[in-house]
C-alpha atoms as a PDB file:
ATOM      1  CA  THR A   1      76.550   1.193 -99.094  1.00  0.00           C
ATOM      2  CA  ALA A   2      72.798  -0.077-100.291  1.00  0.00           C
ATOM      3  CA  VAL A   3      70.226   1.906 -98.105  1.00  0.00           C
ATOM      4  CA  VAL A   4      67.210   0.186 -97.341  1.00  0.00           C
ATOM      5  CA  GLU A   5      64.271   1.492 -96.515  1.00  0.00           C
ATOM      6  CA  TYR A   6      61.242   0.063 -94.543  1.00  0.00           C
ATOM      7  CA  LYS A   7      57.725   1.284 -93.904  1.00  0.00           C
ATOM      8  CA  LEU A   8      55.037   0.804 -91.538  1.00  0.00           C
ATOM      9  CA  SER A   9      51.853   1.353 -92.957  1.00  0.00           C
ATOM     10  CA  VAL A  10      48.393   1.427 -90.547  1.00  0.00           C
ATOM     11  CA  SER A  11      45.113   1.646 -92.411  1.00  0.00           C
ATOM     12  CA  SER A  12      41.592   2.472 -90.530  1.00  0.00           C
ATOM     13  CA  VAL A  13      43.570   4.194 -87.541  1.00  0.00           C
ATOM     14  CA  VAL A  14      41.357   4.074 -84.289  1.00  0.00           C
ATOM     15  CA  GLU A  15      42.392   6.034 -81.125  1.00  0.00           C
ATOM     16  CA  ASP A  16      44.300   2.645 -79.837  1.00  0.00           C
ATOM     17  CA  ASP A  17      46.894   3.377 -82.601  1.00  0.00           C
ATOM     18  CA  MET A  18      48.108   6.716 -81.053  1.00  0.00           C
ATOM     19  CA  GLY A  19      51.617   6.759 -79.666  1.00  0.00           C
ATOM     20  CA  ALA A  20      55.210   6.864 -79.974  1.00  0.00           C
ATOM     21  CA  TYR A  21      56.499   4.129 -82.899  1.00  0.00           C
ATOM     22  CA  HIS A  22      60.584   3.073 -83.081  1.00  0.00           C
ATOM     23  CA  CYS A  23      62.489   1.278 -85.834  1.00  0.00           C
ATOM     24  CA  LYS A  24      64.747  -1.402 -84.284  1.00  0.00           C
ATOM     25  CA  VAL A  25      67.470  -2.789 -86.890  1.00  0.00           C
ATOM     26  CA  GLU A  26      69.457  -5.645 -85.961  1.00  0.00           C
ATOM     27  CA  TYR A  27      72.908  -6.431 -87.121  1.00  0.00           C
ATOM     28  CA  PRO A  28      75.092  -8.657 -86.953  1.00  0.00           C
ATOM     29  CA  GLN A  29      76.984  -6.741 -84.317  1.00  0.00           C
ATOM     30  CA  GLY A  30      74.215  -5.842 -82.865  1.00  0.00           C
ATOM     31  CA  ALA A  31      71.105  -3.707 -82.573  1.00  0.00           C
ATOM     32  CA  GLN A  32      70.297  -0.049 -83.444  1.00  0.00           C
ATOM     33  CA  MET A  33      67.182   1.515 -82.492  1.00  0.00           C
ATOM     34  CA  SER A  34      65.753   4.829 -83.957  1.00  0.00           C
ATOM     35  CA  GLN A  35      64.442   8.003 -82.056  1.00  0.00           C
ATOM     36  CA  PRO A  36      60.525   7.797 -81.777  1.00  0.00           C
ATOM     37  CA  ALA A  37      58.029   8.507 -84.078  1.00  0.00           C
ATOM     38  CA  TYR A  38      54.887  10.049 -82.716  1.00  0.00           C
ATOM     39  CA  LEU A  39      50.990   9.006 -84.084  1.00  0.00           C
ATOM     40  CA  GLN A  40      48.536  11.707 -83.030  1.00  0.00           C
ATOM     41  CA  ILE A  41      44.949  11.532 -83.877  1.00  0.00           C
ATOM     42  CA  GLN A  42      42.886  13.787 -84.085  1.00  0.00           C
ATOM     43  CA  GLU A  43      38.651  13.577 -84.208  1.00  0.00           C
ATOM     44  CA  PRO A  44      36.158  16.465 -83.799  1.00  0.00           C
ATOM     45  CA  ALA A  45      33.655  16.224 -81.522  1.00  0.00           C
ATOM     46  CA  GLN A  46      30.399  14.499 -81.848  1.00  0.00           C
ATOM     47  CA  ILE A  47      27.691  14.836 -79.393  1.00  0.00           C
ATOM     48  CA  THR A  48      26.014  11.558 -78.906  1.00  0.00           C
ATOM     49  CA  LEU A  49      23.575  11.363 -76.235  1.00  0.00           C
ATOM     50  CA  ILE A  50      21.291  14.709 -74.713  1.00  0.00           C
ATOM     51  CA  VAL A  51      18.558  13.374 -72.373  1.00  0.00           C
ATOM     52  CA  ALA A  52      16.338  15.373 -69.764  1.00  0.00           C
ATOM     53  CA  THR A  53      14.625  13.348 -66.927  1.00  0.00           C
ATOM     54  CA  GLY A  54      11.951  14.572 -64.323  1.00  0.00           C
ATOM     55  CA  GLY A  55      11.095  18.193 -64.635  1.00  0.00           C
ATOM     56  CA  GLU A  56       7.571  17.511 -65.481  1.00  0.00           C
ATOM     57  CA  LYS A  57       6.387  20.275 -63.674  1.00  0.00           C
ATOM     58  CA  ALA A  58       7.403  23.694 -61.490  1.00  0.00           C
ATOM     59  CA  GLY A  59       8.829  22.332 -58.285  1.00  0.00           C
ATOM     60  CA  ASP A  60      10.167  19.268 -59.602  1.00  0.00           C
ATOM     61  CA  SER A  61      13.853  18.250 -59.836  1.00  0.00           C
ATOM     62  CA  MET A  62      15.687  18.019 -63.023  1.00  0.00           C
ATOM     63  CA  GLU A  63      18.667  16.168 -64.871  1.00  0.00           C
ATOM     64  CA  LEU A  64      20.410  16.806 -68.219  1.00  0.00           C
ATOM     65  CA  LEU A  65      23.292  14.386 -69.320  1.00  0.00           C
ATOM     66  CA  CYS A  66      25.249  14.863 -72.712  1.00  0.00           C
ATOM     67  CA  GLN A  67      27.311  13.000 -73.872  1.00  0.00           C
ATOM     68  CA  ALA A  68      30.262  13.339 -76.430  1.00  0.00           C
ATOM     69  CA  THR A  69      32.862  11.667 -78.720  1.00  0.00           C
ATOM     70  CA  GLY A  70      36.162  13.074 -80.083  1.00  0.00           C
ATOM     71  CA  ILE A  71      39.874  12.965 -79.770  1.00  0.00           C
ATOM     72  CA  PRO A  72      40.570  14.301 -77.752  1.00  0.00           C
ATOM     73  CA  LYS A  73      37.845  14.315 -75.711  1.00  0.00           C
ATOM     74  CA  PRO A  74      35.651  17.154 -75.587  1.00  0.00           C
ATOM     75  CA  THR A  75      34.753  19.415 -72.843  1.00  0.00           C
ATOM     76  CA  ILE A  76      31.327  20.260 -72.671  1.00  0.00           C
ATOM     77  CA  THR A  77      29.629  22.969 -71.802  1.00  0.00           C
ATOM     78  CA  TRP A  78      25.508  24.394 -71.673  1.00  0.00           C
ATOM     79  CA  ARG A  79      23.599  27.564 -72.630  1.00  0.00           C
ATOM     80  CA  ARG A  80      20.233  28.014 -72.560  1.00  0.00           C
ATOM     81  CA  SER A  81      17.584  30.223 -74.770  1.00  0.00           C
ATOM     82  CA  GLY A  82      20.998  31.145 -76.133  1.00  0.00           C
ATOM     83  CA  LYS A  83      23.099  32.316 -72.912  1.00  0.00           C
ATOM     84  CA  GLU A  84      25.476  30.463 -70.849  1.00  0.00           C
ATOM     85  CA  PHE A  85      24.051  28.361 -68.481  1.00  0.00           C
ATOM     86  CA  PRO A  86      24.078  28.423 -64.996  1.00  0.00           C
ATOM     87  CA  ASP A  87      25.393  32.194 -64.932  1.00  0.00           C
ATOM     88  CA  GLU A  88      24.777  34.708 -62.081  1.00  0.00           C
ATOM     89  CA  GLU A  89      21.205  35.358 -63.076  1.00  0.00           C
ATOM     90  CA  THR A  90      20.091  31.641 -62.265  1.00  0.00           C
ATOM     91  CA  THR A  91      17.769  31.487 -59.619  1.00  0.00           C
ATOM     92  CA  SER A  92      17.493  27.850 -59.139  1.00  0.00           C
ATOM     93  CA  VAL A  93      19.960  25.615 -57.031  1.00  0.00           C
ATOM     94  CA  VAL A  94      22.080  24.038 -60.011  1.00  0.00           C
ATOM     95  CA  THR A  95      25.180  21.382 -59.391  1.00  0.00           C
ATOM     96  CA  VAL A  96      27.003  20.418 -62.682  1.00  0.00           C
ATOM     97  CA  TYR A  97      29.461  17.270 -62.953  1.00  0.00           C
ATOM     98  CA  ASN A  98      31.905  17.393 -65.831  1.00  0.00           C
ATOM     99  CA  GLU A  99      34.383  14.652 -66.564  1.00  0.00           C
ATOM    100  CA  PRO A 100      35.854  14.726 -70.269  1.00  0.00           C
ATOM    101  CA  GLY A 101      33.076  13.594 -73.034  1.00  0.00           C
ATOM    102  CA  SER A 102      30.260  14.081 -70.237  1.00  0.00           C
ATOM    103  CA  SER A 103      28.251  16.607 -68.208  1.00  0.00           C
ATOM    104  CA  LEU A 104      25.527  15.870 -65.499  1.00  0.00           C
ATOM    105  CA  VAL A 105      23.230  19.111 -64.858  1.00  0.00           C
ATOM    106  CA  LEU A 106      20.930  18.699 -61.852  1.00  0.00           C
ATOM    107  CA  ILE A 107      18.464  21.635 -60.994  1.00  0.00           C
ATOM    108  CA  ASN A 108      16.558  21.198 -58.009  1.00  0.00           C
ATOM    109  CA  SER A 109      12.996  22.816 -57.546  1.00  0.00           C
ATOM    110  CA  THR A 110      12.781  24.198 -60.816  1.00  0.00           C
ATOM    111  CA  THR A 111      10.792  27.623 -61.771  1.00  0.00           C
ATOM    112  CA  GLU A 112       9.225  28.471 -64.706  1.00  0.00           C
ATOM    113  CA  GLU A 113      12.338  30.890 -65.678  1.00  0.00           C
ATOM    114  CA  ASP A 114      14.006  26.920 -65.939  1.00  0.00           C
ATOM    115  CA  GLN A 115      11.822  26.173 -69.069  1.00  0.00           C
ATOM    116  CA  GLY A 116      13.485  26.582 -72.277  1.00  0.00           C
ATOM    117  CA  VAL A 117      15.965  25.438 -74.813  1.00  0.00           C
ATOM    118  CA  TYR A 118      19.511  24.083 -73.295  1.00  0.00           C
ATOM    119  CA  SER A 119      22.368  23.502 -75.859  1.00  0.00           C
ATOM    120  CA  CYS A 120      24.658  20.740 -75.443  1.00  0.00           C
ATOM    121  CA  VAL A 121      27.757  22.329 -76.699  1.00  0.00           C
ATOM    122  CA  ALA A 122      30.961  19.838 -76.653  1.00  0.00           C
ATOM    123  CA  PHE A 123      34.336  21.392 -78.115  1.00  0.00           C
ATOM    124  CA  ASN A 124      38.027  19.438 -78.325  1.00  0.00           C
ATOM    125  CA  GLY A 125      39.795  22.169 -80.195  1.00  0.00           C
ATOM    126  CA  VAL A 126      39.931  20.428 -83.892  1.00  0.00           C
ATOM    127  CA  GLY A 127      37.228  21.457 -86.251  1.00  0.00           C
ATOM    128  CA  GLU A 128      34.165  23.663 -85.120  1.00  0.00           C
ATOM    129  CA  PRO A 129      31.968  22.396 -81.704  1.00  0.00           C
ATOM    130  CA  ALA A 130      29.321  20.050 -81.721  1.00  0.00           C
ATOM    131  CA  ILE A 131      25.735  21.822 -80.763  1.00  0.00           C
ATOM    132  CA  LEU A 132      22.791  19.648 -79.895  1.00  0.00           C
ATOM    133  CA  ASP A 133      19.554  21.130 -78.609  1.00  0.00           C
ATOM    134  CA  THR A 134      16.655  19.856 -76.237  1.00  0.00           C
ATOM    135  CA  GLU A 135      13.569  21.951 -75.027  1.00  0.00           C
ATOM    136  CA  ILE A 136      11.772  21.883 -71.699  1.00  0.00           C
ATOM    137  CA  ALA A 137       8.369  22.813 -71.010  1.00  0.00           C
ATOM    138  CA  LEU A 138       7.107  22.763 -67.802  1.00  0.00           C
ATOM    139  CA  GLU A 139       3.555  22.162 -66.623  1.00  0.00           C
ATOM    140  CA  ALA A 140       2.077  24.814 -63.625  1.00  0.00           C
ATOM    141  CA  ALA A 141       2.328  23.579 -60.334  1.00  0.00           C
ATOM    142  CA  VAL A 142      -0.102  22.410 -58.330  1.00  0.00           C
ATOM    143  CA  LYS A 143      -1.131  24.346 -55.289  1.00  0.00           C
ATOM    144  CA  VAL A 144      -0.733  22.000 -51.948  1.00  0.00           C
ATOM    145  CA  VAL A 145      -3.596  22.581 -49.665  1.00  0.00           C
ATOM    146  CA  THR A 146      -2.211  22.114 -46.178  1.00  0.00           C
ATOM    147  CA  VAL A 147      -4.049  21.111 -43.301  1.00  0.00           C
ATOM    148  CA  ALA A 148      -3.684  24.285 -41.352  1.00  0.00           C
ATOM    149  CA  SER A 149      -5.317  25.957 -44.957  1.00  0.00           C
ATOM    150  CA  ALA A 150      -8.017  23.144 -44.713  1.00  0.00           C
ATOM    151  CA  SER A 151      -9.018  23.702 -41.434  1.00  0.00           C
ATOM    152  CA  SER A 152      -9.302  27.207 -41.288  1.00  0.00           C
ATOM    153  CA  LEU A 153     -11.495  26.591 -44.580  1.00  0.00           C
ATOM    154  CA  LEU A 154     -13.836  24.697 -42.756  1.00  0.00           C
ATOM    155  CA  VAL A 155     -14.419  27.087 -39.892  1.00  0.00           C
ATOM    156  CA  PHE A 156     -14.495  29.785 -42.532  1.00  0.00           C
ATOM    157  CA  ILE A 157     -17.856  27.508 -44.270  1.00  0.00           C
ATOM    158  CA  ILE A 158     -18.868  26.366 -40.526  1.00  0.00           C
ATOM    159  CA  ALA A 159     -19.696  30.131 -39.804  1.00  0.00           C
ATOM    160  CA  VAL A 160     -21.134  31.374 -42.798  1.00  0.00           C
ATOM    161  CA  CYS A 161     -23.400  28.166 -42.943  1.00  0.00           C
ATOM    162  CA  THR A 162     -24.804  29.592 -39.326  1.00  0.00           C
ATOM    163  CA  ALA A 163     -25.220  32.902 -40.287  1.00  0.00           C
ATOM    164  CA  VAL A 164     -27.273  32.295 -43.266  1.00  0.00           C
ATOM    165  CA  MET A 165     -29.268  29.907 -41.001  1.00  0.00           C
ATOM    166  CA  LEU A 166     -29.464  32.556 -38.432  1.00  0.00           C
ATOM    167  CA  PHE A 167     -30.684  34.765 -40.774  1.00  0.00           C
ATOM    168  CA  ALA A 168     -33.209  32.683 -42.635  1.00  0.00           C
ATOM    169  CA  LEU A 169     -34.892  32.041 -38.945  1.00  0.00           C
ATOM    170  CA  TYR A 170     -35.006  35.711 -38.152  1.00  0.00           C
ATOM    171  CA  ARG A 171     -36.648  36.559 -41.422  1.00  0.00           C
ATOM    172  CA  ARG A 172     -39.181  33.266 -40.974  1.00  0.00           C
ATOM    173  CA  ARG A 173     -39.688  35.156 -37.667  1.00  0.00           C
ATOM    174  CA  LYS A 174     -40.311  38.800 -38.706  1.00  0.00           C
ATOM    175  CA  ARG A 175     -42.788  37.137 -41.614  1.00  0.00           C
ATOM    176  CA  LYS A 176     -44.890  35.111 -38.753  1.00  0.00           C
ATOM    177  CA  ASN A 177     -45.081  38.251 -36.340  1.00  0.00           C
ATOM    178  CA  ALA A 178     -46.387  40.556 -39.262  1.00  0.00           C
ATOM    179  CA  LEU A 179     -48.512  37.830 -40.339  1.00  0.00           C
ATOM    180  CA  HIS A 180     -50.139  37.701 -36.554  1.00  0.00           C
ATOM    181  CA  PRO A 181     -49.064  40.389 -34.372  1.00  0.00           C
ATOM    182  CA  GLU A 182     -51.453  38.909 -31.534  1.00  0.00           C
ATOM    183  CA  ASP A 183     -49.056  35.762 -31.196  1.00  0.00           C
ATOM    184  CA  GLU A 184     -46.275  38.114 -30.329  1.00  0.00           C
ATOM    185  CA  LYS A 185     -45.184  38.409 -27.153  1.00  0.00           C
ATOM    186  CA  LEU A 186     -45.240  41.386 -24.831  1.00  0.00           C
ATOM    187  CA  PRO A 187     -42.414  41.858 -22.975  1.00  0.00           C
ATOM    188  CA  PRO A 188     -42.651  40.718 -19.014  1.00  0.00           C
ATOM    189  CA  PRO A 189     -44.098  44.156 -16.753  1.00  0.00           C
ATOM    190  CA  THR A 190     -41.941  45.724 -15.092  1.00  0.00           C
ATOM    191  CA  PRO A 191     -42.735  46.500 -10.616  1.00  0.00           C
ATOM    192  CA  GLN A 192     -43.521  50.126 -12.310  1.00  0.00           C
ATOM    193  CA  ASP A 193     -45.727  48.877 -14.645  1.00  0.00           C
ATOM    194  CA  GLU A 194     -47.587  46.766 -11.887  1.00  0.00           C
ATOM    195  CA  GLN A 195     -48.115  49.820  -9.806  1.00  0.00           C
ATOM    196  CA  ASP A 196     -49.710  51.980 -12.349  1.00  0.00           C
ATOM    197  CA  LEU A 197     -52.551  49.200 -13.012  1.00  0.00           C
ATOM    198  CA  GLU A 198     -53.105  48.855  -9.170  1.00  0.00           C
ATOM    199  CA  ASN A 199     -53.733  52.368  -9.133  1.00  0.00           C
ATOM    200  CA  HIS A 200     -56.186  52.334 -12.186  1.00  0.00           C
ATOM    201  CA  VAL A 201     -58.277  49.598 -10.141  1.00  0.00           C
ATOM    202  CA  TYR A 202     -58.297  51.615  -7.480  1.00  0.00           C
ATOM    203  CA  ASP A 203     -59.498  54.787  -9.237  1.00  0.00           C
ATOM    204  CA  ASN A 204     -62.003  53.132 -11.228  1.00  0.00           C
ATOM    205  CA  GLU A 205     -63.623  51.535  -7.973  1.00  0.00           C
ATOM    206  CA  ALA A 206     -63.921  54.871  -6.739  1.00  0.00           C
ATOM    207  CA  LYS A 207     -65.842  56.623  -9.800  1.00  0.00           C
ATOM    208  CA  ARG A 208     -68.155  53.547  -9.954  1.00  0.00           C
ATOM    209  CA  PRO A 209     -71.803  54.500  -8.905  1.00  0.00           C
ATOM    210  CA  PRO A 210     -73.500  52.761  -6.234  1.00  0.00           C
ATOM    211  CA  PRO A 211     -75.571  49.534  -6.892  1.00  0.00           C
ATOM    212  CA  PRO A 212     -79.578  50.370  -7.069  1.00  0.00           C
ATOM    213  CA  PRO A 213     -81.722  49.600  -3.813  1.00  0.00           C
ATOM    214  CA  PRO A 214     -83.164  45.877  -4.557  1.00  0.00           C
ATOM    215  CA  PHE A 215     -86.272  46.898  -4.924  1.00  0.00           C
ATOM    216  CA  ALA A 216     -85.685  49.191  -7.789  1.00  0.00           C
ATOM    217  CA  ILE A 217     -84.054  45.783  -9.697  1.00  0.00           C
ATOM    218  CA  ALA A 218     -87.893  43.704  -8.659  1.00  0.00           C
ATOM    219  CA  LYS A 219     -89.486  46.625 -10.567  1.00  0.00           C
ATOM    220  CA  ALA A 220     -87.072  46.957 -13.532  1.00  0.00           C
ATOM    221  CA  SER A 221     -87.453  43.246 -13.824  1.00  0.00           C
ATOM    222  CA  ALA A 222     -91.161  43.150 -13.646  1.00  0.00           C
ATOM    223  CA  LYS A 223     -91.172  46.004 -16.380  1.00  0.00           C
ATOM    224  CA  VAL A 224     -89.532  43.467 -18.564  1.00  0.00           C
ATOM    225  CA  HIS A 225     -91.841  41.135 -18.149  1.00  0.00           C
ATOM    226  CA  ARG A 226     -94.792  42.915 -19.416  1.00  0.00           C
END
């Protein structure tokens, strides 16, 4: 009995070529189907995209996206400055969305600790893992002065200006009094001062000599006119 061999050749296989293949032989008496032969394709992981958006300065939110191809589709993990990310030491709020061949990382309210080199690691068990880096640098956060702080600052400035003006006025009056002491206003007399002044007047009246007689005044005048 002659044996006939049939071969199937597939060039430039792609992922869609994977699956079960059967050989079917038909005879006059009927047809016969062979056992399935499975075609499997393996392709190492390859990163096609890594991008970071947002995170221009500390306090902003930031997104990291990594996509990779491979057969089977690779699983993606992240590293930051050579360490697994996120880990137990991560202080920022981090959310990771993973699916085969893709990973999205969301970092809310970034801090200076979120700076560094982020590595996307894609691996599917074929060959070596694929790694691609992107570096993140954040600017210092700008401090926003709240309304309450601005009001407090305004009150402080007004108080300082008032104190300076009062001190300058005091110095000016003190200098004027030093140059013109007669202009300095004396404090109003007290009732005791008024009583002492009245007693002093009475004492002077008692000690004053009596006026000369009119004849003595006329005689003295006559001597002057000579």
